[in-house]
């Protein structure tokens, strides 16, 4: 799963499309919050 995020991050940062990168970043933050809530 980490590999997927790494590849996506690289692809979006190379394209220089800030809106797509912002969506990706927001999605990753949401996933982190969900994981933390599951652990608690």
PDB file of N, CA and C in Angstrom:
ATOM      1  N   UNK A   1       0.829  -1.194   0.000  1.00  0.00           N
ATOM      2  CA  UNK A   1       0.000   0.000   0.000  1.00  0.00           C
ATOM      3  C   UNK A   1       0.872   1.256   0.000  1.00  0.00           C
ATOM      4  N   UNK A   2       1.957   1.205   0.756  1.00  0.00           N
ATOM      5  CA  UNK A   2       2.878   2.337   0.780  1.00  0.00           C
ATOM      6  C   UNK A   2       3.456   2.615  -0.598  1.00  0.00           C
ATOM      7  N   UNK A   3       3.739   1.540  -1.338  1.00  0.00           N
ATOM      8  CA  UNK A   3       4.275   1.678  -2.685  1.00  0.00           C
ATOM      9  C   UNK A   3       3.300   2.436  -3.581  1.00  0.00           C
ATOM     10  N   UNK A   4       2.019   2.114  -3.446  1.00  0.00           N
ATOM     11  CA  UNK A   4       0.985   2.785  -4.236  1.00  0.00           C
ATOM     12  C   UNK A   4       0.989   4.287  -3.956  1.00  0.00           C
ATOM     13  N   UNK A   5       1.030   4.653  -2.678  1.00  0.00           N
ATOM     14  CA  UNK A   5       1.023   6.070  -2.319  1.00  0.00           C
ATOM     15  C   UNK A   5       2.280   6.775  -2.807  1.00  0.00           C
ATOM     16  N   UNK A   6       3.411   6.076  -2.731  1.00  0.00           N
ATOM     17  CA  UNK A   6       4.670   6.672  -3.179  1.00  0.00           C
ATOM     18  C   UNK A   6       4.633   6.958  -4.677  1.00  0.00           C
ATOM     19  N   UNK A   7       4.130   5.978  -5.455  1.00  0.00           N
ATOM     20  CA  UNK A   7       4.040   6.161  -6.906  1.00  0.00           C
ATOM     21  C   UNK A   7       3.062   7.276  -7.256  1.00  0.00           C
ATOM     22  N   UNK A   8       1.923   7.306  -6.581  1.00  0.00           N
ATOM     23  CA  UNK A   8       0.921   8.347  -6.839  1.00  0.00           C
ATOM     24  C   UNK A   8       1.478   9.721  -6.492  1.00  0.00           C
ATOM     25  N   UNK A   9       2.154   9.807  -5.356  1.00  0.00           N
ATOM     26  CA  UNK A   9       2.753  11.078  -4.931  1.00  0.00           C
ATOM     27  C   UNK A   9       3.761  11.566  -5.970  1.00  0.00           C
ATOM     28  N   UNK A  10       4.609  10.669  -6.443  1.00  0.00           N
ATOM     29  CA  UNK A  10       5.627  11.046  -7.434  1.00  0.00           C
ATOM     30  C   UNK A  10       4.975  11.510  -8.730  1.00  0.00           C
ATOM     31  N   UNK A  11       3.964  10.768  -9.192  1.00  0.00           N
ATOM     32  CA  UNK A  11       3.296  11.113 -10.443  1.00  0.00           C
ATOM     33  C   UNK A  11       2.612  12.476 -10.350  1.00  0.00           C
ATOM     34  N   UNK A  12       1.923  12.724  -9.245  1.00  0.00           N
ATOM     35  CA  UNK A  12       1.200  13.987  -9.109  1.00  0.00           C
ATOM     36  C   UNK A  12       2.153  15.162  -8.924  1.00  0.00           C
ATOM     37  N   UNK A  13       3.249  14.949  -8.228  1.00  0.00           N
ATOM     38  CA  UNK A  13       4.184  16.055  -8.029  1.00  0.00           C
ATOM     39  C   UNK A  13       4.951  16.367  -9.314  1.00  0.00           C
ATOM     40  N   UNK A  14       5.154  15.365 -10.158  1.00  0.00           N
ATOM     41  CA  UNK A  14       5.845  15.603 -11.428  1.00  0.00           C
ATOM     42  C   UNK A  14       4.960  16.326 -12.436  1.00  0.00           C
ATOM     43  N   UNK A  15       3.640  16.132 -12.339  1.00  0.00           N
ATOM     44  CA  UNK A  15       2.713  16.749 -13.286  1.00  0.00           C
ATOM     45  C   UNK A  15       2.519  18.242 -13.036  1.00  0.00           C
ATOM     46  N   UNK A  16       2.870  18.709 -11.846  1.00  0.00           N
ATOM     47  CA  UNK A  16       2.698  20.123 -11.464  1.00  0.00           C
ATOM     48  C   UNK A  16       1.236  20.556 -11.566  1.00  0.00           C
ATOM     49  N   UNK A  17       0.348  19.707 -11.082  1.00  0.00           N
ATOM     50  CA  UNK A  17      -1.074  20.041 -11.037  1.00  0.00           C
ATOM     51  C   UNK A  17      -1.474  20.163  -9.569  1.00  0.00           C
ATOM     52  N   UNK A  18      -1.490  21.374  -9.041  1.00  0.00           N
ATOM     53  CA  UNK A  18      -1.715  21.548  -7.597  1.00  0.00           C
ATOM     54  C   UNK A  18      -3.082  21.058  -7.125  1.00  0.00           C
ATOM     55  N   UNK A  19      -4.115  21.173  -7.962  1.00  0.00           N
ATOM     56  CA  UNK A  19      -5.442  20.746  -7.532  1.00  0.00           C
ATOM     57  C   UNK A  19      -5.472  19.233  -7.325  1.00  0.00           C
ATOM     58  N   UNK A  20      -4.907  18.485  -8.266  1.00  0.00           N
ATOM     59  CA  UNK A  20      -4.863  17.028  -8.109  1.00  0.00           C
ATOM     60  C   UNK A  20      -4.015  16.642  -6.903  1.00  0.00           C
ATOM     61  N   UNK A  21      -2.920  17.333  -6.698  1.00  0.00           N
ATOM     62  CA  UNK A  21      -2.057  17.026  -5.561  1.00  0.00           C
ATOM     63  C   UNK A  21      -2.778  17.321  -4.251  1.00  0.00           C
ATOM     64  N   UNK A  22      -3.551  18.407  -4.208  1.00  0.00           N
ATOM     65  CA  UNK A  22      -4.302  18.757  -2.998  1.00  0.00           C
ATOM     66  C   UNK A  22      -5.346  17.683  -2.694  1.00  0.00           C
ATOM     67  N   UNK A  23      -6.012  17.180  -3.730  1.00  0.00           N
ATOM     68  CA  UNK A  23      -7.001  16.101  -3.520  1.00  0.00           C
ATOM     69  C   UNK A  23      -6.320  14.856  -2.963  1.00  0.00           C
ATOM     70  N   UNK A  24      -5.174  14.526  -3.513  1.00  0.00           N
ATOM     71  CA  UNK A  24      -4.431  13.360  -3.040  1.00  0.00           C
ATOM     72  C   UNK A  24      -4.024  13.553  -1.577  1.00  0.00           C
ATOM     73  N   UNK A  25      -3.528  14.735  -1.244  1.00  0.00           N
ATOM     74  CA  UNK A  25      -3.085  15.012   0.121  1.00  0.00           C
ATOM     75  C   UNK A  25      -4.265  14.931   1.088  1.00  0.00           C
ATOM     76  N   UNK A  26      -5.406  15.494   0.701  1.00  0.00           N
ATOM     77  CA  UNK A  26      -6.592  15.432   1.560  1.00  0.00           C
ATOM     78  C   UNK A  26      -7.035  13.990   1.763  1.00  0.00           C
ATOM     79  N   UNK A  27      -7.002  13.194   0.716  1.00  0.00           N
ATOM     80  CA  UNK A  27      -7.380  11.789   0.832  1.00  0.00           C
ATOM     81  C   UNK A  27      -6.462  11.037   1.768  1.00  0.00           C
ATOM     82  N   UNK A  28      -5.189  11.326   1.697  1.00  0.00           N
ATOM     83  CA  UNK A  28      -4.240  10.647   2.574  1.00  0.00           C
ATOM     84  C   UNK A  28      -4.446  11.062   4.030  1.00  0.00           C
ATOM     85  N   UNK A  29      -4.741  12.334   4.270  1.00  0.00           N
ATOM     86  CA  UNK A  29      -5.009  12.805   5.634  1.00  0.00           C
ATOM     87  C   UNK A  29      -6.254  12.127   6.191  1.00  0.00           C
ATOM     88  N   UNK A  30      -7.288  12.010   5.368  1.00  0.00           N
ATOM     89  CA  UNK A  30      -8.520  11.350   5.807  1.00  0.00           C
ATOM     90  C   UNK A  30      -8.245   9.886   6.153  1.00  0.00           C
ATOM     91  N   UNK A  31      -7.445   9.214   5.322  1.00  0.00           N
ATOM     92  CA  UNK A  31      -7.095   7.827   5.617  1.00  0.00           C
ATOM     93  C   UNK A  31      -6.342   7.713   6.940  1.00  0.00           C
ATOM     94  N   UNK A  32      -5.438   8.634   7.218  1.00  0.00           N
ATOM     95  CA  UNK A  32      -4.707   8.613   8.482  1.00  0.00           C
ATOM     96  C   UNK A  32      -5.647   8.778   9.675  1.00  0.00           C
ATOM     97  N   UNK A  33      -6.600   9.693   9.558  1.00  0.00           N
ATOM     98  CA  UNK A  33      -7.553   9.927  10.648  1.00  0.00           C
ATOM     99  C   UNK A  33      -8.382   8.669  10.896  1.00  0.00           C
ATOM    100  N   UNK A  34      -8.833   8.038   9.810  1.00  0.00           N
ATOM    101  CA  UNK A  34      -9.629   6.813   9.946  1.00  0.00           C
ATOM    102  C   UNK A  34      -8.804   5.712  10.622  1.00  0.00           C
ATOM    103  N   UNK A  35      -7.551   5.563  10.215  1.00  0.00           N
ATOM    104  CA  UNK A  35      -6.685   4.553  10.828  1.00  0.00           C
ATOM    105  C   UNK A  35      -6.487   4.819  12.310  1.00  0.00           C
ATOM    106  N   UNK A  36      -6.306   6.075  12.678  1.00  0.00           N
ATOM    107  CA  UNK A  36      -6.119   6.418  14.100  1.00  0.00           C
ATOM    108  C   UNK A  36      -7.382   6.097  14.882  1.00  0.00           C
ATOM    109  N   UNK A  37      -8.546   6.416  14.314  1.00  0.00           N
ATOM    110  CA  UNK A  37      -9.801   6.118  15.010  1.00  0.00           C
ATOM    111  C   UNK A  37     -10.003   4.617  15.173  1.00  0.00           C
ATOM    112  N   UNK A  38      -9.600   3.836  14.187  1.00  0.00           N
ATOM    113  CA  UNK A  38      -9.720   2.383  14.286  1.00  0.00           C
ATOM    114  C   UNK A  38      -8.833   1.855  15.409  1.00  0.00           C
ATOM    115  N   UNK A  39      -7.627   2.403  15.507  1.00  0.00           N
ATOM    116  CA  UNK A  39      -6.694   1.948  16.547  1.00  0.00           C
ATOM    117  C   UNK A  39      -7.234   2.287  17.933  1.00  0.00           C
ATOM    118  N   UNK A  40      -7.854   3.436  18.072  1.00  0.00           N
ATOM    119  CA  UNK A  40      -8.395   3.817  19.376  1.00  0.00           C
ATOM    120  C   UNK A  40      -9.585   2.968  19.707  1.00  0.00           C
TER     121      UNK A  40
END
